[in-house]
Amino acid sequence: MKLLLTDSGVRNASILAALVDLLGKPIAEADALCIPTAGYGGPYGDPRGPWRFISGQSPSPMTELGWKSVGVLELTALPGIDKERWVSWVREADVLLVNGGDALYLCHWMRESGLADLLPSLHDTVYVGLSAGSMVLTPRIGEAFVGWRKSTGDDSTLRVVDFCLFPHLDSPGCPENTMAEAERWAVGISGPAYAIDAQTAIKVTDGGVEVVSEGQWKLFNGVS
């Protein structure tokens, strides 16, 4: 897959350009599937957040970018649907737009639904993550970001990439997410880790990892 891991959606021209580059065609010619599931999880989940994400009413631009079409893939519904049907929906999409919310809840339903197993085969699909939708692809999120607790009790996620993410750096909505707090978080994370703000995204292709930013970010070595 080609990945664009954002903090707060497609917030600026640089991130938008990176998305178009990954798609290889204009947004108006691309079919999207949005995945709202993470917005229901964790202590702050509610039905309004997923609706805002789906309808393009959230402050984090994703579904409202002018796609040729936008469909909804709710992961909690997939176990009750014939697998061949929903897999065909995913394979036909040019891009997956994955909502923020609770990363461990999203991780659970990616695995439970079977989407996690499908991801490695989606070579031409672009995956755009928003906050938890980005964090779910990392090895772990760190105890500071644990809300919903899975049965294993740890903070591990899907390990699609080999780095971790500390989102919402210096965000007014998350005043606790300071650079000093990111540095403390990184001490407990083995391997590379990025702190990123709303104007930053991480672009991942076969050619490597690229930071796309009009804001603030920092790479930590993450040696614990």
Protein backbone atom coordinates (compact mmCIF):
# COMPACT_ATOMS: atom_id res chain seq x y z
CA MET A 1 0.00 0.00 0.00
CA LYS A 2 0.89 3.65 -0.37
CA LEU A 3 0.38 5.48 2.90
CA LEU A 4 -0.31 9.06 3.91
CA LEU A 5 -0.40 9.17 7.70
CA THR A 6 -1.81 12.48 8.86
CA ASP A 7 -2.43 14.10 12.20
CA SER A 8 -5.56 16.02 11.22
CA GLY A 9 -6.40 15.21 7.64
CA VAL A 10 -5.39 17.01 4.46
CA ARG A 11 -4.82 20.41 6.05
CA ASN A 12 -2.53 22.16 3.56
CA ALA A 13 -1.32 22.32 -0.03
CA SER A 14 1.77 20.18 0.66
CA ILE A 15 -0.24 17.28 2.09
CA LEU A 16 -2.78 17.60 -0.74
CA ALA A 17 0.02 17.44 -3.32
CA ALA A 18 1.43 14.33 -1.62
CA LEU A 19 -2.00 12.69 -1.78
CA VAL A 20 -2.42 13.44 -5.49
CA ASP A 21 1.08 12.11 -6.14
CA LEU A 22 0.24 8.84 -4.37
CA LEU A 23 -3.04 8.51 -6.30
CA GLY A 24 -1.36 9.13 -9.63
CA LYS A 25 -4.46 10.97 -10.85
CA PRO A 26 -6.71 13.87 -9.83
CA ILE A 27 -8.88 13.46 -6.75
CA ALA A 28 -11.95 14.03 -8.94
CA GLU A 29 -11.15 10.78 -10.76
CA ALA A 30 -10.64 8.66 -7.62
CA ASP A 31 -13.14 6.51 -5.73
CA ALA A 32 -12.86 6.58 -1.94
CA LEU A 33 -14.05 4.40 0.91
CA CYS A 34 -14.18 6.04 4.33
CA ILE A 35 -13.83 3.99 7.50
CA PRO A 36 -15.43 5.77 10.49
CA THR A 37 -15.03 2.93 13.02
CA ALA A 38 -12.38 4.44 15.33
CA GLY A 39 -14.69 7.32 16.14
CA TYR A 40 -16.94 5.04 18.20
CA GLY A 41 -14.17 3.67 20.44
CA GLY A 42 -12.58 4.89 23.62
CA PRO A 43 -13.97 7.00 26.43
CA TYR A 44 -14.67 9.98 24.15
CA GLY A 45 -16.36 8.10 21.30
CA ASP A 46 -19.88 9.16 20.32
CA PRO A 47 -22.14 8.96 17.24
CA ARG A 48 -21.60 12.58 16.24
CA GLY A 49 -17.89 12.23 15.44
CA PRO A 50 -18.31 9.47 12.82
CA TRP A 51 -21.17 11.40 11.21
CA ARG A 52 -19.05 14.54 10.93
CA PHE A 53 -16.25 12.49 9.38
CA ILE A 54 -18.52 10.75 6.85
CA SER A 55 -20.39 13.93 5.90
CA GLY A 56 -17.32 16.12 5.58
CA GLN A 57 -18.36 18.31 8.51
CA SER A 58 -15.28 17.68 10.66
CA PRO A 59 -12.37 20.14 10.96
CA SER A 60 -10.08 17.45 9.49
CA PRO A 61 -10.52 17.40 5.69
CA MET A 62 -10.84 13.88 4.29
CA THR A 63 -14.16 13.00 2.65
CA GLU A 64 -14.89 16.53 1.38
CA LEU A 65 -11.88 16.83 -0.95
CA GLY A 66 -13.87 16.33 -4.17
CA TRP A 67 -13.67 12.57 -4.74
CA LYS A 68 -15.42 10.96 -7.71
CA SER A 69 -17.35 8.92 -5.17
CA VAL A 70 -17.29 8.23 -1.43
CA GLY A 71 -18.59 5.07 0.21
CA VAL A 72 -18.69 4.00 3.85
CA LEU A 73 -16.98 0.84 5.10
CA GLU A 74 -18.02 0.22 8.71
CA LEU A 75 -15.72 -2.49 10.05
CA THR A 76 -18.07 -3.69 12.76
CA ALA A 77 -20.57 -4.66 10.03
CA LEU A 78 -18.15 -6.72 7.95
CA PRO A 79 -18.28 -10.01 9.93
CA GLY A 80 -21.97 -10.27 8.97
CA ILE A 81 -21.38 -9.65 5.25
CA ASP A 82 -20.18 -12.14 2.67
CA LYS A 83 -16.42 -11.65 2.53
CA GLU A 84 -16.19 -11.72 -1.25
CA ARG A 85 -18.62 -8.79 -1.43
CA TRP A 86 -16.80 -6.42 0.92
CA VAL A 87 -13.35 -7.43 -0.30
CA SER A 88 -14.43 -6.45 -3.82
CA TRP A 89 -15.54 -3.04 -2.48
CA VAL A 90 -12.11 -2.49 -0.95
CA ARG A 91 -10.19 -3.66 -4.00
CA GLU A 92 -12.22 -1.40 -6.29
CA ALA A 93 -11.47 1.71 -4.21
CA ASP A 94 -8.57 3.98 -5.08
CA VAL A 95 -8.21 5.24 -1.52
CA LEU A 96 -9.17 4.30 2.04
CA LEU A 97 -9.87 7.26 4.32
CA VAL A 98 -9.51 6.09 7.91
CA ASN A 99 -11.04 8.12 10.73
CA GLY A 100 -9.48 9.12 14.02
CA GLY A 101 -10.73 8.15 17.44
CA ASP A 102 -9.35 5.22 19.41
CA ALA A 103 -6.42 3.39 17.83
CA LEU A 104 -6.74 0.16 19.82
CA TYR A 105 -10.48 -0.09 19.12
CA LEU A 106 -9.74 0.41 15.43
CA CYS A 107 -6.95 -2.16 15.57
CA HIS A 108 -9.31 -4.70 17.14
CA TRP A 109 -11.91 -4.25 14.40
CA MET A 110 -9.37 -4.23 11.60
CA ARG A 111 -8.26 -7.65 12.79
CA GLU A 112 -11.75 -8.93 13.67
CA SER A 113 -13.21 -7.87 10.32
CA GLY A 114 -10.35 -9.30 8.25
CA LEU A 115 -9.28 -5.95 6.80
CA ALA A 116 -5.88 -6.17 8.52
CA ASP A 117 -5.13 -9.40 6.66
CA LEU A 118 -6.19 -7.83 3.37
CA LEU A 119 -4.04 -4.69 3.63
CA PRO A 120 -0.72 -6.24 2.45
CA SER A 121 -2.30 -7.26 -0.86
CA LEU A 122 -3.57 -3.76 -1.70
CA HIS A 123 -0.47 -2.72 -3.61
CA ASP A 124 -2.05 0.12 -5.60
CA THR A 125 -4.42 1.42 -2.94
CA VAL A 126 -3.71 4.66 -1.10
CA TYR A 127 -4.35 4.60 2.65
CA VAL A 128 -4.94 7.98 4.29
CA GLY A 129 -5.02 7.89 8.07
CA LEU A 130 -6.30 10.55 10.44
CA SER A 131 -4.78 10.48 13.96
CA ALA A 132 -5.77 7.03 15.29
CA GLY A 133 -6.26 5.96 11.67
CA SER A 134 -2.54 6.63 11.23
CA MET A 135 -1.39 5.28 14.59
CA VAL A 136 -3.08 1.92 14.00
CA LEU A 137 -0.46 1.05 11.36
CA THR A 138 2.46 1.55 13.76
CA PRO A 139 3.99 -1.07 16.09
CA ARG A 140 2.49 0.46 19.25
CA ILE A 141 0.88 3.66 20.49
CA GLY A 142 2.34 4.08 23.98
CA GLU A 143 0.41 3.95 27.25
CA ALA A 144 -0.42 7.66 27.09
CA PHE A 145 -2.76 7.03 24.15
CA VAL A 146 -4.54 3.94 25.51
CA GLY A 147 -8.27 4.51 25.96
CA TRP A 148 -10.18 1.40 24.93
CA ARG A 149 -8.39 -1.61 26.38
CA LYS A 150 -8.17 -4.81 24.33
CA SER A 151 -8.11 -8.29 25.82
CA THR A 152 -4.33 -8.62 25.60
CA GLY A 153 -3.95 -5.50 27.73
CA ASP A 154 -1.01 -4.08 25.78
CA ASP A 155 -0.69 -1.12 23.40
CA SER A 156 0.47 -2.98 20.28
CA THR A 157 -1.02 -2.21 16.88
CA LEU A 158 -0.64 -3.54 13.32
CA ARG A 159 3.11 -2.99 12.61
CA VAL A 160 2.55 -2.11 8.96
CA VAL A 161 5.26 0.55 9.37
CA ASP A 162 8.28 0.38 11.65
CA PHE A 163 7.88 3.75 13.35
CA CYS A 164 5.50 5.13 15.98
CA LEU A 165 3.50 8.36 16.01
CA PHE A 166 2.77 11.01 18.62
CA PRO A 167 -0.03 13.11 17.04
CA HIS A 168 -1.59 16.50 17.82
CA LEU A 169 1.70 18.11 18.80
CA ASP A 170 1.00 21.50 20.44
CA SER A 171 -2.66 21.29 19.43
CA PRO A 172 -5.08 23.70 21.17
CA GLY A 173 -7.48 20.78 21.53
CA CYS A 174 -4.81 18.64 23.22
CA PRO A 175 -2.82 21.06 25.40
CA GLU A 176 -1.13 18.15 27.13
CA ASN A 177 0.55 17.10 23.85
CA THR A 178 3.61 19.31 24.22
CA MET A 179 7.04 18.58 22.79
CA ALA A 180 8.24 17.83 26.32
CA GLU A 181 5.48 15.24 26.68
CA ALA A 182 6.38 13.78 23.28
CA GLU A 183 9.97 13.41 24.45
CA ARG A 184 8.81 11.55 27.57
CA TRP A 185 6.55 9.33 25.44
CA ALA A 186 9.42 8.54 23.07
CA VAL A 187 11.61 7.26 25.93
CA GLY A 188 9.28 4.28 26.27
CA ILE A 189 9.09 3.59 22.52
CA SER A 190 11.74 1.36 20.96
CA GLY A 191 12.63 2.25 17.39
CA PRO A 192 12.01 5.46 15.45
CA ALA A 193 9.10 7.68 16.46
CA TYR A 194 7.68 10.91 15.07
CA ALA A 195 5.87 13.71 16.85
CA ILE A 196 3.68 15.53 14.31
CA ASP A 197 1.27 18.45 14.32
CA ALA A 198 -1.86 19.25 12.31
CA GLN A 199 0.15 20.57 9.36
CA THR A 200 2.28 17.43 9.03
CA ALA A 201 1.91 14.00 7.44
CA ILE A 202 4.16 10.99 6.85
CA LYS A 203 4.24 9.68 3.28
CA VAL A 204 5.27 6.02 2.95
CA THR A 205 5.99 4.25 -0.33
CA ASP A 206 8.33 1.50 -1.50
CA GLY A 207 10.86 4.27 -1.91
CA GLY A 208 10.89 5.04 1.78
CA VAL A 209 9.49 7.46 4.33
CA GLU A 210 9.06 11.19 3.71
CA VAL A 211 7.85 13.87 6.10
CA VAL A 212 5.46 16.31 4.41
CA SER A 213 5.03 19.38 6.56
CA GLU A 214 4.13 23.04 6.73
CA GLY A 215 4.27 22.87 10.51
CA GLN A 216 6.20 21.28 13.37
CA TRP A 217 7.52 17.76 13.75
CA LYS A 218 10.39 15.84 15.31
CA LEU A 219 11.96 12.43 14.81
CA PHE A 220 13.07 10.57 17.92
CA ASN A 221 15.46 7.63 17.86
CA GLY A 222 13.26 6.01 20.46
CA VAL A 223 15.97 4.15 22.36
CA SER A 224 14.47 2.99 25.63
